[in-house]
PDB file of N, CA and C in Angstrom:
ATOM      1  N   MET A   1      16.848 194.941  28.772  1.00  0.00           N
ATOM      2  CA  MET A   1      17.039 196.028  29.715  1.00  0.00           C
ATOM      3  C   MET A   1      15.873 196.118  30.688  1.00  0.00           C
ATOM      4  N   GLY A   2      14.634 195.932  30.221  1.00  0.00           N
ATOM      5  CA  GLY A   2      13.460 196.022  31.067  1.00  0.00           C
ATOM      6  C   GLY A   2      13.423 194.940  32.131  1.00  0.00           C
ATOM      7  N   VAL A   3      13.914 193.747  31.811  1.00  0.00           N
ATOM      8  CA  VAL A   3      13.922 192.637  32.752  1.00  0.00           C
ATOM      9  C   VAL A   3      14.893 192.920  33.889  1.00  0.00           C
ATOM     10  N   VAL A   4      16.037 193.524  33.574  1.00  0.00           N
ATOM     11  CA  VAL A   4      17.038 193.834  34.587  1.00  0.00           C
ATOM     12  C   VAL A   4      16.500 194.885  35.560  1.00  0.00           C
ATOM     13  N   VAL A   5      15.841 195.903  35.035  1.00  0.00           N
ATOM     14  CA  VAL A   5      15.281 196.955  35.881  1.00  0.00           C
ATOM     15  C   VAL A   5      14.172 196.380  36.761  1.00  0.00           C
ATOM     16  N   LYS A   6      13.337 195.541  36.207  1.00  0.00           N
ATOM     17  CA  LYS A   6      12.247 194.917  36.956  1.00  0.00           C
ATOM     18  C   LYS A   6      12.794 194.042  38.079  1.00  0.00           C
ATOM     19  N   LEU A   7      13.803 193.252  37.776  1.00  0.00           N
ATOM     20  CA  LEU A   7      14.414 192.379  38.771  1.00  0.00           C
ATOM     21  C   LEU A   7      15.091 193.204  39.873  1.00  0.00           C
ATOM     22  N   LEU A   8      15.741 194.276  39.476  1.00  0.00           N
ATOM     23  CA  LEU A   8      16.398 195.149  40.445  1.00  0.00           C
ATOM     24  C   LEU A   8      15.377 195.800  41.369  1.00  0.00           C
ATOM     25  N   CYS A   9      14.252 196.236  40.816  1.00  0.00           N
ATOM     26  CA  CYS A   9      13.194 196.849  41.629  1.00  0.00           C
ATOM     27  C   CYS A   9      12.558 195.832  42.567  1.00  0.00           C
ATOM     28  N   LEU A  10      12.374 194.623  42.122  1.00  0.00           N
ATOM     29  CA  LEU A  10      11.771 193.596  42.964  1.00  0.00           C
ATOM     30  C   LEU A  10      12.678 193.206  44.129  1.00  0.00           C
ATOM     31  N   ARG A  11      13.965 193.361  43.979  1.00  0.00           N
ATOM     32  CA  ARG A  11      14.889 193.036  45.065  1.00  0.00           C
ATOM     33  C   ARG A  11      15.220 194.262  45.914  1.00  0.00           C
ATOM     34  N   LEU A  12      15.316 195.404  45.292  1.00  0.00           N
ATOM     35  CA  LEU A  12      15.726 196.603  46.016  1.00  0.00           C
ATOM     36  C   LEU A  12      14.592 197.235  46.802  1.00  0.00           C
ATOM     37  N   LEU A  13      13.395 197.231  46.281  1.00  0.00           N
ATOM     38  CA  LEU A  13      12.268 197.874  46.953  1.00  0.00           C
ATOM     39  C   LEU A  13      11.976 197.269  48.322  1.00  0.00           C
ATOM     40  N   PRO A  14      11.864 195.944  48.459  1.00  0.00           N
ATOM     41  CA  PRO A  14      11.639 195.385  49.797  1.00  0.00           C
ATOM     42  C   PRO A  14      12.795 195.677  50.763  1.00  0.00           C
ATOM     43  N   ALA A  15      14.012 195.692  50.261  1.00  0.00           N
ATOM     44  CA  ALA A  15      15.162 195.996  51.116  1.00  0.00           C
ATOM     45  C   ALA A  15      15.106 197.442  51.611  1.00  0.00           C
ATOM     46  N   MET A  16      14.731 198.367  50.757  1.00  0.00           N
ATOM     47  CA  MET A  16      14.642 199.775  51.148  1.00  0.00           C
ATOM     48  C   MET A  16      13.511 199.997  52.154  1.00  0.00           C
ATOM     49  N   VAL A  17      12.372 199.350  51.930  1.00  0.00           N
ATOM     50  CA  VAL A  17      11.244 199.475  52.862  1.00  0.00           C
ATOM     51  C   VAL A  17      11.609 198.876  54.213  1.00  0.00           C
ATOM     52  N   SER A  18      12.281 197.739  54.202  1.00  0.00           N
ATOM     53  CA  SER A  18      12.712 197.108  55.454  1.00  0.00           C
ATOM     54  C   SER A  18      13.701 197.987  56.210  1.00  0.00           C
ATOM     55  N   LEU A  19      14.620 198.598  55.507  1.00  0.00           N
ATOM     56  CA  LEU A  19      15.606 199.481  56.129  1.00  0.00           C
ATOM     57  C   LEU A  19      14.933 200.707  56.740  1.00  0.00           C
ATOM     58  N   LEU A  20      13.970 201.274  56.048  1.00  0.00           N
ATOM     59  CA  LEU A  20      13.239 202.433  56.566  1.00  0.00           C
ATOM     60  C   LEU A  20      12.414 202.051  57.797  1.00  0.00           C
ATOM     61  N   LEU A  21      11.774 200.904  57.766  1.00  0.00           N
ATOM     62  CA  LEU A  21      11.001 200.434  58.910  1.00  0.00           C
ATOM     63  C   LEU A  21      11.903 200.158  60.113  1.00  0.00           C
ATOM     64  N   LEU A  22      13.057 199.579  59.885  1.00  0.00           N
ATOM     65  CA  LEU A  22      14.017 199.322  60.953  1.00  0.00           C
ATOM     66  C   LEU A  22      14.519 200.635  61.570  1.00  0.00           C
ATOM     67  N   ALA A  23      14.758 201.641  60.747  1.00  0.00           N
ATOM     68  CA  ALA A  23      15.197 202.951  61.253  1.00  0.00           C
ATOM     69  C   ALA A  23      14.105 203.591  62.103  1.00  0.00           C
ATOM     70  N   TYR A  24      12.849 203.483  61.681  1.00  0.00           N
ATOM     71  CA  TYR A  24      11.740 204.052  62.445  1.00  0.00           C
ATOM     72  C   TYR A  24      11.591 203.352  63.798  1.00  0.00           C
ATOM     73  N   ILE A  25      11.693 202.024  63.805  1.00  0.00           N
ATOM     74  CA  ILE A  25      11.565 201.267  65.056  1.00  0.00           C
ATOM     75  C   ILE A  25      12.718 201.606  66.003  1.00  0.00           C
ATOM     76  N   ALA A  26      13.928 201.688  65.484  1.00  0.00           N
ATOM     77  CA  ALA A  26      15.080 202.039  66.321  1.00  0.00           C
ATOM     78  C   ALA A  26      14.920 203.452  66.878  1.00  0.00           C
ATOM     79  N   ASP A  27      14.385 204.362  66.094  1.00  0.00           N
ATOM     80  CA  ASP A  27      14.150 205.729  66.544  1.00  0.00           C
ATOM     81  C   ASP A  27      13.108 205.746  67.663  1.00  0.00           C
ATOM     82  N   HIS A  28      12.058 204.967  67.511  1.00  0.00           N
ATOM     83  CA  HIS A  28      11.016 204.898  68.542  1.00  0.00           C
ATOM     84  C   HIS A  28      11.552 204.303  69.842  1.00  0.00           C
ATOM     85  N   VAL A  29      12.334 203.260  69.747  1.00  0.00           N
ATOM     86  CA  VAL A  29      12.913 202.632  70.930  1.00  0.00           C
ATOM     87  C   VAL A  29      13.854 203.605  71.643  1.00  0.00           C
ATOM     88  N   SER A  30      14.628 204.377  70.877  1.00  0.00           N
ATOM     89  CA  SER A  30      15.555 205.323  71.499  1.00  0.00           C
ATOM     90  C   SER A  30      14.814 206.433  72.242  1.00  0.00           C
ATOM     91  N   VAL A  31      13.633 206.820  71.767  1.00  0.00           N
ATOM     92  CA  VAL A  31      12.839 207.841  72.459  1.00  0.00           C
ATOM     93  C   VAL A  31      12.141 207.225  73.673  1.00  0.00           C
ATOM     94  N   ALA A  32      11.557 206.066  73.496  1.00  0.00           N
ATOM     95  CA  ALA A  32      10.779 205.451  74.570  1.00  0.00           C
ATOM     96  C   ALA A  32      11.651 205.026  75.753  1.00  0.00           C
ATOM     97  N   TYR A  33      12.853 204.534  75.491  1.00  0.00           N
ATOM     98  CA  TYR A  33      13.715 204.027  76.555  1.00  0.00           C
ATOM     99  C   TYR A  33      14.917 204.928  76.843  1.00  0.00           C
ATOM    100  N   ARG A  34      14.906 206.141  76.289  1.00  0.00           N
ATOM    101  CA  ARG A  34      15.962 207.147  76.510  1.00  0.00           C
ATOM    102  C   ARG A  34      17.354 206.590  76.232  1.00  0.00           C
ATOM    103  N   ILE A  35      17.489 206.025  75.057  1.00  0.00           N
ATOM    104  CA  ILE A  35      18.786 205.490  74.622  1.00  0.00           C
ATOM    105  C   ILE A  35      19.397 206.524  73.697  1.00  0.00           C
ATOM    106  N   PRO A  36      20.586 206.964  73.799  1.00  0.00           N
ATOM    107  CA  PRO A  36      21.575 206.691  74.827  1.00  0.00           C
ATOM    108  C   PRO A  36      21.219 207.400  76.130  1.00  0.00           C
ATOM    109  N   GLY A  37      21.742 206.887  77.219  1.00  0.00           N
ATOM    110  CA  GLY A  37      21.432 207.425  78.541  1.00  0.00           C
ATOM    111  C   GLY A  37      21.853 208.884  78.676  1.00  0.00           C
ATOM    112  N   GLY A  38      21.040 209.652  79.370  1.00  0.00           N
ATOM    113  CA  GLY A  38      21.343 211.059  79.577  1.00  0.00           C
ATOM    114  C   GLY A  38      20.780 211.975  78.507  1.00  0.00           C
ATOM    115  N   ARG A  39      20.277 211.426  77.419  1.00  0.00           N
ATOM    116  CA  ARG A  39      19.717 212.247  76.342  1.00  0.00           C
ATOM    117  C   ARG A  39      18.265 212.559  76.670  1.00  0.00           C
ATOM    118  N   GLN A  40      17.900 213.810  76.554  1.00  0.00           N
ATOM    119  CA  GLN A  40      16.516 214.213  76.768  1.00  0.00           C
ATOM    120  C   GLN A  40      15.698 213.879  75.517  1.00  0.00           C
ATOM    121  N   PRO A  41      14.649 213.064  75.636  1.00  0.00           N
ATOM    122  CA  PRO A  41      13.871 212.707  74.453  1.00  0.00           C
ATOM    123  C   PRO A  41      12.952 213.835  73.971  1.00  0.00           C
ATOM    124  N   PHE A  42      12.626 214.773  74.847  1.00  0.00           N
ATOM    125  CA  PHE A  42      11.707 215.841  74.470  1.00  0.00           C
ATOM    126  C   PHE A  42      12.388 217.197  74.604  1.00  0.00           C
ATOM    127  N   GLY A  43      11.894 218.144  73.842  1.00  0.00           N
ATOM    128  CA  GLY A  43      12.395 219.506  73.889  1.00  0.00           C
ATOM    129  C   GLY A  43      11.260 220.461  73.585  1.00  0.00           C
ATOM    130  N   SER A  44      11.598 221.718  73.395  1.00  0.00           N
ATOM    131  CA  SER A  44      10.588 222.695  72.999  1.00  0.00           C
ATOM    132  C   SER A  44      11.238 223.715  72.074  1.00  0.00           C
ATOM    133  N   VAL A  45      10.431 224.275  71.199  1.00  0.00           N
ATOM    134  CA  VAL A  45      10.888 225.247  70.207  1.00  0.00           C
ATOM    135  C   VAL A  45       9.936 226.434  70.244  1.00  0.00           C
ATOM    136  N   GLN A  46      10.486 227.635  70.154  1.00  0.00           N
ATOM    137  CA  GLN A  46       9.673 228.846  70.102  1.00  0.00           C
ATOM    138  C   GLN A  46       9.073 228.964  68.695  1.00  0.00           C
ATOM    139  N   VAL A  47       7.750 228.955  68.616  1.00  0.00           N
ATOM    140  CA  VAL A  47       7.048 229.019  67.338  1.00  0.00           C
ATOM    141  C   VAL A  47       6.186 230.273  67.320  1.00  0.00           C
ATOM    142  N   ARG A  48       6.246 231.000  66.218  1.00  0.00           N
ATOM    143  CA  ARG A  48       5.469 232.221  66.063  1.00  0.00           C
ATOM    144  C   ARG A  48       4.344 231.968  65.067  1.00  0.00           C
ATOM    145  N   LYS A  49       3.117 232.288  65.466  1.00  0.00           N
ATOM    146  CA  LYS A  49       1.964 232.117  64.582  1.00  0.00           C
ATOM    147  C   LYS A  49       1.663 233.437  63.892  1.00  0.00           C
ATOM    148  N   VAL A  50       1.361 233.346  62.602  1.00  0.00           N
ATOM    149  CA  VAL A  50       1.007 234.511  61.795  1.00  0.00           C
ATOM    150  C   VAL A  50      -0.348 234.221  61.154  1.00  0.00           C
ATOM    151  N   PHE A  51      -1.309 235.088  61.404  1.00  0.00           N
ATOM    152  CA  PHE A  51      -2.628 234.932  60.808  1.00  0.00           C
ATOM    153  C   PHE A  51      -2.705 235.825  59.573  1.00  0.00           C
ATOM    154  N   ALA A  52      -2.979 235.230  58.422  1.00  0.00           N
ATOM    155  CA  ALA A  52      -3.138 235.975  57.174  1.00  0.00           C
ATOM    156  C   ALA A  52      -4.636 236.124  56.922  1.00  0.00           C
ATOM    157  N   ILE A  53      -5.129 237.346  57.052  1.00  0.00           N
ATOM    158  CA  ILE A  53      -6.561 237.613  56.909  1.00  0.00           C
ATOM    159  C   ILE A  53      -6.788 238.316  55.582  1.00  0.00           C
ATOM    160  N   ARG A  54      -7.561 237.685  54.723  1.00  0.00           N
ATOM    161  CA  ARG A  54      -7.855 238.281  53.404  1.00  0.00           C
ATOM    162  C   ARG A  54      -8.997 239.292  53.560  1.00  0.00           C
ATOM    163  N   LEU A  55      -8.757 240.478  53.049  1.00  0.00           N
ATOM    164  CA  LEU A  55      -9.740 241.545  53.129  1.00  0.00           C
ATOM    165  C   LEU A  55     -10.555 241.607  51.844  1.00  0.00           C
ATOM    166  N   LYS A  56     -11.632 242.392  51.872  1.00  0.00           N
ATOM    167  CA  LYS A  56     -12.527 242.473  50.714  1.00  0.00           C
ATOM    168  C   LYS A  56     -11.861 243.112  49.505  1.00  0.00           C
ATOM    169  N   ASP A  57     -10.928 244.007  49.721  1.00  0.00           N
ATOM    170  CA  ASP A  57     -10.279 244.691  48.603  1.00  0.00           C
ATOM    171  C   ASP A  57      -9.067 243.918  48.073  1.00  0.00           C
ATOM    172  N   ARG A  58      -9.075 242.602  48.274  1.00  0.00           N
ATOM    173  CA  ARG A  58      -8.056 241.676  47.791  1.00  0.00           C
ATOM    174  C   ARG A  58      -6.671 241.928  48.386  1.00  0.00           C
ATOM    175  N   LYS A  59      -6.630 242.550  49.518  1.00  0.00           N
ATOM    176  CA  LYS A  59      -5.373 242.728  50.238  1.00  0.00           C
ATOM    177  C   LYS A  59      -5.346 241.737  51.391  1.00  0.00           C
ATOM    178  N   THR A  60      -4.184 241.551  51.934  1.00  0.00           N
ATOM    179  CA  THR A  60      -4.023 240.616  53.044  1.00  0.00           C
ATOM    180  C   THR A  60      -3.447 241.353  54.238  1.00  0.00           C
ATOM    181  N   GLU A  61      -4.092 241.174  55.369  1.00  0.00           N
ATOM    182  CA  GLU A  61      -3.607 241.760  56.618  1.00  0.00           C
ATOM    183  C   GLU A  61      -2.972 240.638  57.436  1.00  0.00           C
ATOM    184  N   TYR A  62      -1.793 240.918  57.979  1.00  0.00           N
ATOM    185  CA  TYR A  62      -1.077 239.927  58.778  1.00  0.00           C
ATOM    186  C   TYR A  62      -1.135 240.314  60.248  1.00  0.00           C
ATOM    187  N   VAL A  63      -1.511 239.353  61.077  1.00  0.00           N
ATOM    188  CA  VAL A  63      -1.561 239.557  62.522  1.00  0.00           C
ATOM    189  C   VAL A  63      -0.544 238.590  63.139  1.00  0.00           C
ATOM    190  N   PHE A  64       0.458 239.166  63.824  1.00  0.00           N
ATOM    191  CA  PHE A  64       1.533 238.364  64.411  1.00  0.00           C
ATOM    192  C   PHE A  64       1.248 238.117  65.883  1.00  0.00           C
ATOM    193  N   GLN A  65       1.354 236.879  66.286  1.00  0.00           N
ATOM    194  CA  GLN A  65       1.193 236.498  67.682  1.00  0.00           C
ATOM    195  C   GLN A  65       2.582 236.409  68.329  1.00  0.00           C
ATOM    196  N   PRO A  66       2.668 236.625  69.629  1.00  0.00           N
ATOM    197  CA  PRO A  66       3.977 236.459  70.276  1.00  0.00           C
ATOM    198  C   PRO A  66       4.421 234.991  70.219  1.00  0.00           C
ATOM    199  N   PRO A  67       5.720 234.763  70.188  1.00  0.00           N
ATOM    200  CA  PRO A  67       6.209 233.374  70.128  1.00  0.00           C
ATOM    201  C   PRO A  67       5.784 232.584  71.359  1.00  0.00           C
ATOM    202  N   GLU A  68       5.498 231.316  71.144  1.00  0.00           N
ATOM    203  CA  GLU A  68       5.130 230.429  72.248  1.00  0.00           C
ATOM    204  C   GLU A  68       5.909 229.127  72.106  1.00  0.00           C
ATOM    205  N   ALA A  69       6.208 228.527  73.224  1.00  0.00           N
ATOM    206  CA  ALA A  69       6.965 227.271  73.232  1.00  0.00           C
ATOM    207  C   ALA A  69       6.034 226.113  72.884  1.00  0.00           C
ATOM    208  N   GLN A  70       6.451 225.307  71.929  1.00  0.00           N
ATOM    209  CA  GLN A  70       5.693 224.119  71.562  1.00  0.00           C
ATOM    210  C   GLN A  70       6.573 222.894  71.776  1.00  0.00           C
ATOM    211  N   PRO A  71       6.002 221.823  72.316  1.00  0.00           N
ATOM    212  CA  PRO A  71       6.807 220.625  72.582  1.00  0.00           C
ATOM    213  C   PRO A  71       7.185 219.911  71.285  1.00  0.00           C
ATOM    214  N   CYS A  72       8.327 219.254  71.325  1.00  0.00           N
ATOM    215  CA  CYS A  72       8.797 218.463  70.186  1.00  0.00           C
ATOM    216  C   CYS A  72       9.607 217.291  70.728  1.00  0.00           C
ATOM    217  N   VAL A  73       9.968 216.382  69.851  1.00  0.00           N
ATOM    218  CA  VAL A  73      10.712 215.189  70.250  1.00  0.00           C
ATOM    219  C   VAL A  73      12.062 215.199  69.534  1.00  0.00           C
ATOM    220  N   ASN A  74      13.122 214.885  70.280  1.00  0.00           N
ATOM    221  CA  ASN A  74      14.467 214.839  69.709  1.00  0.00           C
ATOM    222  C   ASN A  74      14.677 213.483  69.038  1.00  0.00           C
ATOM    223  N   SER A  75      14.191 213.383  67.809  1.00  0.00           N
ATOM    224  CA  SER A  75      14.310 212.143  67.056  1.00  0.00           C
ATOM    225  C   SER A  75      14.341 212.462  65.570  1.00  0.00           C
ATOM    226  N   LEU A  76      14.545 211.438  64.781  1.00  0.00           N
ATOM    227  CA  LEU A  76      14.599 211.606  63.336  1.00  0.00           C
ATOM    228  C   LEU A  76      13.200 211.660  62.725  1.00  0.00           C
ATOM    229  N   PHE A  77      12.283 210.859  63.259  1.00  0.00           N
ATOM    230  CA  PHE A  77      10.920 210.765  62.753  1.00  0.00           C
ATOM    231  C   PHE A  77       9.941 211.304  63.791  1.00  0.00           C
ATOM    232  N   PRO A  78       8.711 211.663  63.394  1.00  0.00           N
ATOM    233  CA  PRO A  78       7.694 212.031  64.389  1.00  0.00           C
ATOM    234  C   PRO A  78       7.403 210.845  65.301  1.00  0.00           C
ATOM    235  N   GLN A  79       7.354 211.104  66.597  1.00  0.00           N
ATOM    236  CA  GLN A  79       7.105 210.044  67.571  1.00  0.00           C
ATOM    237  C   GLN A  79       6.131 210.556  68.620  1.00  0.00           C
ATOM    238  N   LEU A  80       5.275 209.673  69.097  1.00  0.00           N
ATOM    239  CA  LEU A  80       4.358 209.953  70.203  1.00  0.00           C
ATOM    240  C   LEU A  80       3.478 211.176  69.932  1.00  0.00           C
ATOM    241  N   GLY A  81       3.124 211.409  68.699  1.00  0.00           N
ATOM    242  CA  GLY A  81       2.245 212.519  68.334  1.00  0.00           C
ATOM    243  C   GLY A  81       2.927 213.875  68.269  1.00  0.00           C
ATOM    244  N   LEU A  82       4.240 213.917  68.345  1.00  0.00           N
ATOM    245  CA  LEU A  82       4.980 215.178  68.299  1.00  0.00           C
ATOM    246  C   LEU A  82       5.886 215.211  67.071  1.00  0.00           C
ATOM    247  N   GLU A  83       6.098 216.424  66.560  1.00  0.00           N
ATOM    248  CA  GLU A  83       7.007 216.588  65.435  1.00  0.00           C
ATOM    249  C   GLU A  83       8.443 216.601  65.943  1.00  0.00           C
ATOM    250  N   PRO A  84       9.400 216.226  65.097  1.00  0.00           N
ATOM    251  CA  PRO A  84      10.799 216.278  65.519  1.00  0.00           C
ATOM    252  C   PRO A  84      11.254 217.728  65.730  1.00  0.00           C
ATOM    253  N   CYS A  85      12.173 217.916  66.672  1.00  0.00           N
ATOM    254  CA  CYS A  85      12.665 219.270  66.975  1.00  0.00           C
ATOM    255  C   CYS A  85      13.415 219.871  65.789  1.00  0.00           C
ATOM    256  N   TRP A  86      14.151 219.048  65.019  1.00  0.00           N
ATOM    257  CA  TRP A  86      14.883 219.588  63.879  1.00  0.00           C
ATOM    258  C   TRP A  86      13.913 220.164  62.852  1.00  0.00           C
ATOM    259  N   TYR A  87      12.743 219.579  62.719  1.00  0.00           N
ATOM    260  CA  TYR A  87      11.745 220.082  61.776  1.00  0.00           C
ATOM    261  C   TYR A  87      11.097 221.360  62.305  1.00  0.00           C
ATOM    262  N   LYS A  88      10.779 221.371  63.593  1.00  0.00           N
ATOM    263  CA  LYS A  88      10.149 222.553  64.200  1.00  0.00           C
ATOM    264  C   LYS A  88      11.072 223.765  64.128  1.00  0.00           C
ATOM    265  N   LYS A  89      12.379 223.550  64.332  1.00  0.00           N
ATOM    266  CA  LYS A  89      13.324 224.662  64.283  1.00  0.00           C
ATOM    267  C   LYS A  89      13.384 225.274  62.893  1.00  0.00           C
ATOM    268  N   ARG A  90      13.258 224.457  61.881  1.00  0.00           N
ATOM    269  CA  ARG A  90      13.299 224.963  60.499  1.00  0.00           C
ATOM    270  C   ARG A  90      11.977 225.593  60.070  1.00  0.00           C
ATOM    271  N   HIS A  91      10.897 225.247  60.756  1.00  0.00           N
ATOM    272  CA  HIS A  91       9.571 225.790  60.449  1.00  0.00           C
ATOM    273  C   HIS A  91       9.014 226.482  61.687  1.00  0.00           C
ATOM    274  N   SER A  92       9.746 227.475  62.182  1.00  0.00           N
ATOM    275  CA  SER A  92       9.367 228.124  63.436  1.00  0.00           C
ATOM    276  C   SER A  92       8.301 229.202  63.259  1.00  0.00           C
ATOM    277  N   THR A  93       7.888 229.463  62.035  1.00  0.00           N
ATOM    278  CA  THR A  93       6.782 230.394  61.785  1.00  0.00           C
ATOM    279  C   THR A  93       5.656 229.621  61.120  1.00  0.00           C
ATOM    280  N   GLN A  94       4.470 229.659  61.747  1.00  0.00           N
ATOM    281  CA  GLN A  94       3.309 228.972  61.194  1.00  0.00           C
ATOM    282  C   GLN A  94       2.336 230.009  60.669  1.00  0.00           C
ATOM    283  N   GLU A  95       2.030 229.960  59.392  1.00  0.00           N
ATOM    284  CA  GLU A  95       1.089 230.905  58.799  1.00  0.00           C
ATOM    285  C   GLU A  95      -0.259 230.224  58.639  1.00  0.00           C
ATOM    286  N   MET A  96      -1.305 230.905  59.112  1.00  0.00           N
ATOM    287  CA  MET A  96      -2.651 230.368  59.025  1.00  0.00           C
ATOM    288  C   MET A  96      -3.514 231.338  58.225  1.00  0.00           C
ATOM    289  N   ASP A  97      -4.170 230.824  57.217  1.00  0.00           N
ATOM    290  CA  ASP A  97      -5.022 231.641  56.351  1.00  0.00           C
ATOM    291  C   ASP A  97      -6.437 231.702  56.908  1.00  0.00           C
ATOM    292  N   TYR A  98      -6.999 232.910  56.904  1.00  0.00           N
ATOM    293  CA  TYR A  98      -8.396 233.120  57.314  1.00  0.00           C
ATOM    294  C   TYR A  98      -9.114 233.887  56.252  1.00  0.00           C
TER     295      TYR A  98
END
């Protein structure tokens, strides 16, 4: 049983890594060359920052900032130093501890 699992891992692992690398490269090419045509590669998402300030009496004070637009990329993976828009939309509140 151990030999079969080992052999399966030795064949499946490189195939999975290759498939993931191919998906990342295709995603990058689609952003860089705007494939398919007419698709906007960049977008923006309204993100709200929340500062969590710990007080001396072990309580936490929250300071809410007004929402601000942050740039993102319409892709599956992070590209060109930007997070994907689908991820930003799901994490539209950023909490920062002080």
